[in-house]
Amino acid sequence: MEASTTTFTTTSGVRRLLRLDAGLETVLTVVCVVLAYGLWGTDGWRVPSWLSTPVLLVVALVLLLAAVVLWWLSGRPAPAAVRAVAVANGVTALTFLAWAIIGLGAGIQLRILLAATTVLLGVLATTQYAWTIRPSEKAALPTP
């Protein structure tokens, strides 16, 4: 059996974390569709003019595809793939944080949602990355 950077006990945790991430992507897909059609109203949930309905629907489709890929990855969580997902979540969290702070034409409720999503993505990214760099228990055992 080859050495891995994840232990047996953390593999199931990484699977659950990837599935949680897929769930978050699915929720964000629904939010994009709702925003695209203005179902929450237009004042506090105002989106910038550059985020037109077609753009939001394309983003929703990409998020849905990401959810499917994350769910698929959860069945075989390779450390390198989980690390890549962690980096992508971290970059997205930083982007959302900047957007929440600067605003760029977003309504206040949307900016609050962006801030909350930033926290969730930041926690996911940190946890995903941390689980991929833990040394395996086998490597820590002395050889006879």
C-alpha atoms as a PDB file:
ATOM      1  CA  MET A   1       0.000   0.000   0.000  1.00  0.00           C
ATOM      2  CA  GLU A   2       1.525   3.325  -0.982  1.00  0.00           C
ATOM      3  CA  ALA A   3       1.840   6.222   1.439  1.00  0.00           C
ATOM      4  CA  SER A   4      -0.731   8.959   1.096  1.00  0.00           C
ATOM      5  CA  THR A   5      -1.027  12.442   2.527  1.00  0.00           C
ATOM      6  CA  THR A   6      -4.451  11.597   3.936  1.00  0.00           C
ATOM      7  CA  THR A   7      -5.213   9.007   6.551  1.00  0.00           C
ATOM      8  CA  PHE A   8      -7.992   6.469   6.442  1.00  0.00           C
ATOM      9  CA  THR A   9      -9.870   8.325   9.173  1.00  0.00           C
ATOM     10  CA  THR A  10      -9.752  11.633   7.323  1.00  0.00           C
ATOM     11  CA  THR A  11     -10.771  10.195   3.943  1.00  0.00           C
ATOM     12  CA  SER A  12     -14.395   9.856   5.046  1.00  0.00           C
ATOM     13  CA  GLY A  13     -14.235  13.389   6.454  1.00  0.00           C
ATOM     14  CA  VAL A  14     -12.883  14.714   3.152  1.00  0.00           C
ATOM     15  CA  ARG A  15     -15.701  12.916   1.326  1.00  0.00           C
ATOM     16  CA  ARG A  16     -18.287  14.579   3.559  1.00  0.00           C
ATOM     17  CA  LEU A  17     -16.575  17.938   3.124  1.00  0.00           C
ATOM     18  CA  LEU A  18     -16.608  17.638  -0.670  1.00  0.00           C
ATOM     19  CA  ARG A  19     -20.288  16.704  -0.558  1.00  0.00           C
ATOM     20  CA  LEU A  20     -20.959  19.700   1.682  1.00  0.00           C
ATOM     21  CA  ASP A  21     -19.127  21.826  -0.869  1.00  0.00           C
ATOM     22  CA  ALA A  22     -21.282  20.342  -3.642  1.00  0.00           C
ATOM     23  CA  GLY A  23     -24.364  21.240  -1.603  1.00  0.00           C
ATOM     24  CA  LEU A  24     -23.152  24.820  -1.208  1.00  0.00           C
ATOM     25  CA  GLU A  25     -22.559  25.057  -4.956  1.00  0.00           C
ATOM     26  CA  THR A  26     -26.117  23.800  -5.525  1.00  0.00           C
ATOM     27  CA  VAL A  27     -27.537  26.430  -3.150  1.00  0.00           C
ATOM     28  CA  LEU A  28     -25.518  29.108  -4.954  1.00  0.00           C
ATOM     29  CA  THR A  29     -26.941  27.804  -8.241  1.00  0.00           C
ATOM     30  CA  VAL A  30     -30.471  28.380  -6.947  1.00  0.00           C
ATOM     31  CA  VAL A  31     -29.504  31.845  -5.651  1.00  0.00           C
ATOM     32  CA  CYS A  32     -28.149  32.799  -9.092  1.00  0.00           C
ATOM     33  CA  VAL A  33     -31.371  31.678 -10.788  1.00  0.00           C
ATOM     34  CA  VAL A  34     -33.482  33.578  -8.236  1.00  0.00           C
ATOM     35  CA  LEU A  35     -31.355  36.701  -8.719  1.00  0.00           C
ATOM     36  CA  ALA A  36     -31.471  36.327 -12.498  1.00  0.00           C
ATOM     37  CA  TYR A  37     -35.247  36.516 -12.482  1.00  0.00           C
ATOM     38  CA  GLY A  38     -35.505  39.109  -9.696  1.00  0.00           C
ATOM     39  CA  LEU A  39     -37.648  36.880  -7.496  1.00  0.00           C
ATOM     40  CA  TRP A  40     -36.424  38.604  -4.303  1.00  0.00           C
ATOM     41  CA  GLY A  41     -37.232  42.076  -5.572  1.00  0.00           C
ATOM     42  CA  THR A  42     -34.833  44.607  -6.931  1.00  0.00           C
ATOM     43  CA  ASP A  43     -33.815  46.984  -4.153  1.00  0.00           C
ATOM     44  CA  GLY A  44     -31.756  45.168  -1.511  1.00  0.00           C
ATOM     45  CA  TRP A  45     -31.070  42.244  -3.820  1.00  0.00           C
ATOM     46  CA  ARG A  46     -29.963  44.507  -6.661  1.00  0.00           C
ATOM     47  CA  VAL A  47     -27.295  42.959  -8.862  1.00  0.00           C
ATOM     48  CA  PRO A  48     -24.818  45.051 -10.856  1.00  0.00           C
ATOM     49  CA  SER A  49     -25.809  45.856 -14.417  1.00  0.00           C
ATOM     50  CA  TRP A  50     -22.950  43.744 -15.780  1.00  0.00           C
ATOM     51  CA  LEU A  51     -24.602  40.693 -14.178  1.00  0.00           C
ATOM     52  CA  SER A  52     -27.469  40.409 -16.633  1.00  0.00           C
ATOM     53  CA  THR A  53     -29.931  37.530 -16.626  1.00  0.00           C
ATOM     54  CA  PRO A  54     -27.988  35.512 -19.240  1.00  0.00           C
ATOM     55  CA  VAL A  55     -24.709  35.982 -17.318  1.00  0.00           C
ATOM     56  CA  LEU A  56     -26.305  34.855 -14.046  1.00  0.00           C
ATOM     57  CA  LEU A  57     -27.813  31.815 -15.750  1.00  0.00           C
ATOM     58  CA  VAL A  58     -24.414  30.857 -17.205  1.00  0.00           C
ATOM     59  CA  VAL A  59     -22.868  31.248 -13.736  1.00  0.00           C
ATOM     60  CA  ALA A  60     -25.667  29.060 -12.335  1.00  0.00           C
ATOM     61  CA  LEU A  61     -24.915  26.381 -14.940  1.00  0.00           C
ATOM     62  CA  VAL A  62     -21.189  26.480 -14.132  1.00  0.00           C
ATOM     63  CA  LEU A  63     -21.960  26.201 -10.401  1.00  0.00           C
ATOM     64  CA  LEU A  64     -24.244  23.236 -11.028  1.00  0.00           C
ATOM     65  CA  LEU A  65     -21.529  21.517 -13.070  1.00  0.00           C
ATOM     66  CA  ALA A  66     -19.051  22.234 -10.254  1.00  0.00           C
ATOM     67  CA  ALA A  67     -21.457  20.614  -7.798  1.00  0.00           C
ATOM     68  CA  VAL A  68     -21.630  17.485  -9.950  1.00  0.00           C
ATOM     69  CA  VAL A  69     -17.821  17.329 -10.236  1.00  0.00           C
ATOM     70  CA  LEU A  70     -17.415  17.820  -6.478  1.00  0.00           C
ATOM     71  CA  TRP A  71     -19.882  15.035  -5.768  1.00  0.00           C
ATOM     72  CA  TRP A  72     -18.007  12.795  -8.199  1.00  0.00           C
ATOM     73  CA  LEU A  73     -14.672  13.707  -6.571  1.00  0.00           C
ATOM     74  CA  SER A  74     -16.094  12.854  -3.154  1.00  0.00           C
ATOM     75  CA  GLY A  75     -16.172   9.209  -4.200  1.00  0.00           C
ATOM     76  CA  ARG A  76     -12.419   9.216  -4.830  1.00  0.00           C
ATOM     77  CA  PRO A  77     -10.854  12.154  -2.981  1.00  0.00           C
ATOM     78  CA  ALA A  78      -7.293  12.446  -4.290  1.00  0.00           C
ATOM     79  CA  PRO A  79      -5.202  14.874  -2.216  1.00  0.00           C
ATOM     80  CA  ALA A  80      -4.133  16.902  -5.264  1.00  0.00           C
ATOM     81  CA  ALA A  81      -7.733  17.328  -6.425  1.00  0.00           C
ATOM     82  CA  VAL A  82      -8.915  18.326  -2.943  1.00  0.00           C
ATOM     83  CA  ARG A  83      -6.038  20.805  -2.734  1.00  0.00           C
ATOM     84  CA  ALA A  84      -7.102  22.322  -6.072  1.00  0.00           C
ATOM     85  CA  VAL A  85     -10.691  22.614  -4.817  1.00  0.00           C
ATOM     86  CA  ALA A  86      -9.414  24.274  -1.627  1.00  0.00           C
ATOM     87  CA  VAL A  87      -7.436  26.839  -3.622  1.00  0.00           C
ATOM     88  CA  ALA A  88     -10.436  27.533  -5.885  1.00  0.00           C
ATOM     89  CA  ASN A  89     -12.665  28.024  -2.825  1.00  0.00           C
ATOM     90  CA  GLY A  90     -10.080  30.340  -1.274  1.00  0.00           C
ATOM     91  CA  VAL A  91      -9.795  32.482  -4.408  1.00  0.00           C
ATOM     92  CA  THR A  92     -13.585  32.642  -4.699  1.00  0.00           C
ATOM     93  CA  ALA A  93     -13.879  33.623  -1.024  1.00  0.00           C
ATOM     94  CA  LEU A  94     -11.394  36.476  -1.507  1.00  0.00           C
ATOM     95  CA  THR A  95     -13.238  37.640  -4.620  1.00  0.00           C
ATOM     96  CA  PHE A  96     -16.586  37.591  -2.800  1.00  0.00           C
ATOM     97  CA  LEU A  97     -15.057  39.434   0.151  1.00  0.00           C
ATOM     98  CA  ALA A  98     -13.783  42.205  -2.126  1.00  0.00           C
ATOM     99  CA  TRP A  99     -17.172  42.408  -3.836  1.00  0.00           C
ATOM    100  CA  ALA A 100     -18.998  42.532  -0.487  1.00  0.00           C
ATOM    101  CA  ILE A 101     -16.754  45.357   0.741  1.00  0.00           C
ATOM    102  CA  ILE A 102     -16.594  47.412  -2.456  1.00  0.00           C
ATOM    103  CA  GLY A 103     -20.167  46.758  -3.510  1.00  0.00           C
ATOM    104  CA  LEU A 104     -19.857  47.261  -7.266  1.00  0.00           C
ATOM    105  CA  GLY A 105     -23.567  47.978  -7.637  1.00  0.00           C
ATOM    106  CA  ALA A 106     -24.819  45.188  -5.368  1.00  0.00           C
ATOM    107  CA  GLY A 107     -27.701  45.802  -2.958  1.00  0.00           C
ATOM    108  CA  ILE A 108     -27.172  45.491   0.790  1.00  0.00           C
ATOM    109  CA  GLN A 109     -28.826  42.057   1.155  1.00  0.00           C
ATOM    110  CA  LEU A 110     -26.700  40.704  -1.683  1.00  0.00           C
ATOM    111  CA  ARG A 111     -23.568  42.119  -0.044  1.00  0.00           C
ATOM    112  CA  ILE A 112     -24.513  40.422   3.242  1.00  0.00           C
ATOM    113  CA  LEU A 113     -25.059  37.148   1.361  1.00  0.00           C
ATOM    114  CA  LEU A 114     -21.652  37.582  -0.280  1.00  0.00           C
ATOM    115  CA  ALA A 115     -20.038  38.127   3.124  1.00  0.00           C
ATOM    116  CA  ALA A 116     -21.719  35.026   4.570  1.00  0.00           C
ATOM    117  CA  THR A 117     -20.684  32.982   1.543  1.00  0.00           C
ATOM    118  CA  THR A 118     -17.136  34.288   1.992  1.00  0.00           C
ATOM    119  CA  VAL A 119     -17.052  32.870   5.513  1.00  0.00           C
ATOM    120  CA  LEU A 120     -18.424  29.486   4.404  1.00  0.00           C
ATOM    121  CA  LEU A 121     -16.017  29.218   1.483  1.00  0.00           C
ATOM    122  CA  GLY A 122     -13.104  30.313   3.656  1.00  0.00           C
ATOM    123  CA  VAL A 123     -13.860  27.637   6.243  1.00  0.00           C
ATOM    124  CA  LEU A 124     -14.270  25.022   3.501  1.00  0.00           C
ATOM    125  CA  ALA A 125     -11.017  26.031   1.811  1.00  0.00           C
ATOM    126  CA  THR A 126      -9.051  26.025   5.040  1.00  0.00           C
ATOM    127  CA  THR A 127     -10.421  22.683   6.191  1.00  0.00           C
ATOM    128  CA  GLN A 128      -9.999  21.041   2.793  1.00  0.00           C
ATOM    129  CA  TYR A 129      -6.423  22.206   2.502  1.00  0.00           C
ATOM    130  CA  ALA A 130      -5.543  21.252   6.075  1.00  0.00           C
ATOM    131  CA  TRP A 131      -6.830  17.706   5.557  1.00  0.00           C
ATOM    132  CA  THR A 132      -4.639  17.247   2.482  1.00  0.00           C
ATOM    133  CA  ILE A 133      -1.403  18.174   4.251  1.00  0.00           C
ATOM    134  CA  ARG A 134      -1.765  15.996   7.359  1.00  0.00           C
ATOM    135  CA  PRO A 135       0.907  13.319   7.436  1.00  0.00           C
ATOM    136  CA  SER A 136      -0.415   9.796   7.258  1.00  0.00           C
ATOM    137  CA  GLU A 137      -0.427   7.709  10.426  1.00  0.00           C
ATOM    138  CA  LYS A 138       1.556   5.026   8.625  1.00  0.00           C
ATOM    139  CA  ALA A 139       4.401   7.446   7.903  1.00  0.00           C
ATOM    140  CA  ALA A 140       4.512   8.426  11.593  1.00  0.00           C
ATOM    141  CA  LEU A 141       5.068   4.831  12.763  1.00  0.00           C
ATOM    142  CA  PRO A 142       8.675   3.782  13.349  1.00  0.00           C
ATOM    143  CA  THR A 143       9.959   1.040  11.103  1.00  0.00           C
ATOM    144  CA  PRO A 144      11.128  -2.167  12.859  1.00  0.00           C
END
